[in-house]
Amino acid sequence: MIETADFVPLRSFTSDQSCFACGSENPFGLHMQLYSNGQIVMARTIVPGHLCGWGNLIHGGILTTLLDETMSWAAIHLLKKLILTRTMQVEFLLPVAPNTTVRTEGRIDRQIKNTEALVSATLYDDRDQECVRATGRFALLSAKMMRRLKIMNTRTIDDFEQRYEQG
């Protein structure tokens, strides 16, 4: 188990809080709260029962979302780049019950070049058991490149640029 005393809350770089995973204003979202110690991005989340698959287990797609978001924020915060998930591989080790606190941890495994990184994340249950792990290949994009692609609203790009690219 990691020592969480050194982790500080990550402040969203944008006022757009509609993200399904981390947005505080999405009434159907997961409301992930993310933290970092400068090397790892971590989140603690309680997944409600209505997001179960069959039985009393959190749906695998929801678990994958938690890991994708954690890896994304690891890349955004630690590498100071906007990102797009290129590939993601998930390994389900143990089932995860709803309405309990899960912890995700994401880290940069390797920055391949200025435009790509390999990132990994692990999800632990409330007994600190490793339940799901993932690896992903992420495109790293500057604000200028994201503007050119026109796949993110300008306000969010401006917010990112102000927070990460200008200090």
Protein backbone atom coordinates (compact mmCIF):
# COMPACT_ATOMS: atom_id res chain seq x y z
CA MET A 1 0.00 0.00 0.00
CA ILE A 2 1.28 3.45 -0.87
CA GLU A 3 1.64 6.17 1.74
CA THR A 4 -1.06 8.72 0.90
CA ALA A 5 0.16 11.52 3.18
CA ASP A 6 2.32 12.97 0.39
CA PHE A 7 -0.56 13.17 -2.09
CA VAL A 8 -2.19 16.49 -2.85
CA PRO A 9 -5.54 16.98 -4.61
CA LEU A 10 -5.34 17.66 -8.33
CA ARG A 11 -7.27 20.70 -9.38
CA SER A 12 -9.05 20.34 -12.68
CA PHE A 13 -7.49 22.56 -15.30
CA THR A 14 -10.88 23.41 -16.80
CA SER A 15 -14.19 24.80 -15.62
CA ASP A 16 -15.97 22.16 -17.76
CA GLN A 17 -17.04 19.64 -15.12
CA SER A 18 -19.21 17.38 -17.30
CA CYS A 19 -16.76 14.46 -17.68
CA PHE A 20 -18.40 11.11 -16.85
CA ALA A 21 -15.35 9.98 -14.88
CA CYS A 22 -14.06 13.07 -13.06
CA GLY A 23 -16.65 15.78 -13.58
CA SER A 24 -18.25 17.05 -10.40
CA GLU A 25 -21.32 18.37 -12.24
CA ASN A 26 -22.26 15.20 -14.14
CA PRO A 27 -25.27 13.77 -12.25
CA PHE A 28 -24.60 10.29 -13.70
CA GLY A 29 -20.81 10.41 -13.33
CA LEU A 30 -18.28 8.69 -11.10
CA HIS A 31 -17.06 11.96 -9.53
CA MET A 32 -13.47 10.73 -9.25
CA GLN A 33 -11.26 12.88 -7.06
CA LEU A 34 -7.65 12.67 -8.13
CA TYR A 35 -4.45 13.22 -6.15
CA SER A 36 -0.75 13.15 -6.98
CA ASN A 37 2.59 12.94 -5.22
CA GLY A 38 4.47 14.02 -8.35
CA GLN A 39 5.17 10.45 -9.49
CA ILE A 40 1.80 8.72 -9.17
CA VAL A 41 -1.77 9.87 -9.74
CA MET A 42 -4.25 8.26 -7.37
CA ALA A 43 -8.02 8.35 -6.95
CA ARG A 44 -10.43 7.01 -4.39
CA THR A 45 -13.93 6.40 -5.71
CA ILE A 46 -17.14 4.80 -4.51
CA VAL A 47 -18.93 3.16 -7.43
CA PRO A 48 -22.71 3.04 -6.88
CA GLY A 49 -24.69 -0.17 -7.25
CA HIS A 50 -26.58 0.95 -10.34
CA LEU A 51 -23.31 0.54 -12.28
CA CYS A 52 -23.17 -3.21 -11.74
CA GLY A 53 -23.11 -5.81 -14.47
CA TRP A 54 -24.67 -9.12 -13.54
CA GLY A 55 -24.82 -10.11 -9.91
CA ASN A 56 -23.39 -7.71 -7.38
CA LEU A 57 -20.24 -6.82 -9.34
CA ILE A 58 -19.16 -3.52 -10.82
CA HIS A 59 -19.39 -3.70 -14.61
CA GLY A 60 -16.03 -4.26 -16.32
CA GLY A 61 -16.58 -1.22 -18.52
CA ILE A 62 -16.86 0.99 -15.44
CA LEU A 63 -13.67 -0.49 -13.97
CA THR A 64 -11.96 0.14 -17.30
CA THR A 65 -13.19 3.75 -17.25
CA LEU A 66 -11.69 4.27 -13.78
CA LEU A 67 -8.31 3.00 -14.99
CA ASP A 68 -8.43 4.95 -18.27
CA GLU A 69 -9.20 8.17 -16.40
CA THR A 70 -6.42 7.55 -13.88
CA MET A 71 -3.90 6.87 -16.66
CA SER A 72 -5.14 9.92 -18.56
CA TRP A 73 -4.65 12.20 -15.57
CA ALA A 74 -1.22 10.68 -14.93
CA ALA A 75 -0.21 11.66 -18.46
CA ILE A 76 -1.89 15.08 -18.30
CA HIS A 77 -0.55 16.06 -14.90
CA LEU A 78 2.86 14.38 -14.86
CA LEU A 79 3.80 15.05 -18.50
CA LYS A 80 1.86 18.30 -18.86
CA LYS A 81 0.29 17.32 -22.18
CA LEU A 82 -3.24 16.88 -23.45
CA ILE A 83 -3.85 13.23 -24.28
CA LEU A 84 -5.84 10.77 -26.31
CA THR A 85 -5.96 7.08 -25.42
CA ARG A 86 -4.61 5.11 -28.38
CA THR A 87 -4.72 1.58 -26.99
CA MET A 88 -5.57 0.04 -23.67
CA GLN A 89 -5.22 -3.49 -22.34
CA VAL A 90 -7.08 -4.54 -19.20
CA GLU A 91 -6.61 -7.58 -17.01
CA PHE A 92 -9.41 -8.43 -14.58
CA LEU A 93 -8.01 -10.30 -11.56
CA LEU A 94 -10.75 -10.17 -8.92
CA PRO A 95 -14.40 -9.06 -8.92
CA VAL A 96 -15.16 -5.68 -7.37
CA ALA A 97 -18.22 -4.99 -5.22
CA PRO A 98 -20.21 -1.74 -5.53
CA ASN A 99 -20.70 0.85 -2.79
CA THR A 100 -17.17 0.34 -1.44
CA THR A 101 -14.14 2.57 -1.85
CA VAL A 102 -11.79 1.54 -4.64
CA ARG A 103 -8.37 3.08 -5.19
CA THR A 104 -6.70 3.53 -8.54
CA GLU A 105 -3.05 4.38 -9.07
CA GLY A 106 -1.56 5.49 -12.38
CA ARG A 107 2.03 6.07 -13.42
CA ILE A 108 4.11 6.84 -16.46
CA ASP A 109 6.02 3.72 -17.47
CA ARG A 110 7.89 5.28 -20.36
CA GLN A 111 7.69 8.35 -22.52
CA ILE A 112 8.49 7.02 -25.98
CA LYS A 113 8.94 10.41 -27.55
CA ASN A 114 7.45 13.84 -27.09
CA THR A 115 4.19 12.63 -28.65
CA GLU A 116 3.60 9.23 -27.02
CA ALA A 117 3.77 7.54 -23.62
CA LEU A 118 3.15 4.14 -22.08
CA VAL A 119 1.10 4.44 -18.90
CA SER A 120 -0.19 1.87 -16.41
CA ALA A 121 -2.80 1.82 -13.67
CA THR A 122 -4.01 -0.58 -11.01
CA LEU A 123 -7.32 -0.75 -9.17
CA TYR A 124 -7.42 -1.95 -5.56
CA ASP A 125 -10.51 -2.85 -3.53
CA ASP A 126 -11.25 -1.68 0.01
CA ARG A 127 -9.10 -4.55 1.39
CA ASP A 128 -6.11 -3.36 -0.68
CA GLN A 129 -6.33 -6.34 -3.04
CA GLU A 130 -5.19 -5.81 -6.62
CA CYS A 131 -8.36 -6.37 -8.68
CA VAL A 132 -7.76 -4.87 -12.13
CA ARG A 133 -4.71 -3.61 -13.95
CA ALA A 134 -4.28 -1.83 -17.24
CA THR A 135 -1.65 -0.52 -19.58
CA GLY A 136 -2.18 2.05 -22.26
CA ARG A 137 -0.47 3.86 -25.07
CA PHE A 138 -1.36 7.54 -25.04
CA ALA A 139 -0.91 10.22 -27.67
CA LEU A 140 0.59 13.34 -26.08
CA LEU A 141 -0.66 16.56 -27.62
CA SER A 142 0.11 20.22 -27.15
CA ALA A 143 -2.68 22.76 -26.92
CA LYS A 144 -1.70 23.95 -30.39
CA MET A 145 -2.10 20.45 -31.85
CA MET A 146 -5.43 19.88 -30.05
CA ARG A 147 -6.74 23.13 -31.53
CA ARG A 148 -5.71 21.94 -34.98
CA LEU A 149 -7.53 18.60 -34.50
CA LYS A 150 -10.76 20.39 -33.40
CA ILE A 151 -11.86 17.55 -31.11
CA MET A 152 -11.89 19.50 -27.84
CA ASN A 153 -13.65 22.74 -27.06
CA THR A 154 -11.53 25.86 -27.17
CA ARG A 155 -12.27 26.85 -23.58
CA THR A 156 -10.85 23.57 -22.26
CA ILE A 157 -7.73 23.92 -24.42
CA ASP A 158 -7.24 27.52 -23.25
CA ASP A 159 -7.65 26.40 -19.62
CA PHE A 160 -5.08 23.63 -20.10
CA GLU A 161 -2.62 25.97 -21.78
CA GLN A 162 -2.91 28.52 -18.99
CA ARG A 163 -2.41 25.89 -16.27
CA TYR A 164 0.27 23.63 -17.74
CA GLU A 165 1.99 25.25 -20.70
CA GLN A 166 2.46 28.71 -19.22
CA GLY A 167 3.38 27.73 -15.71
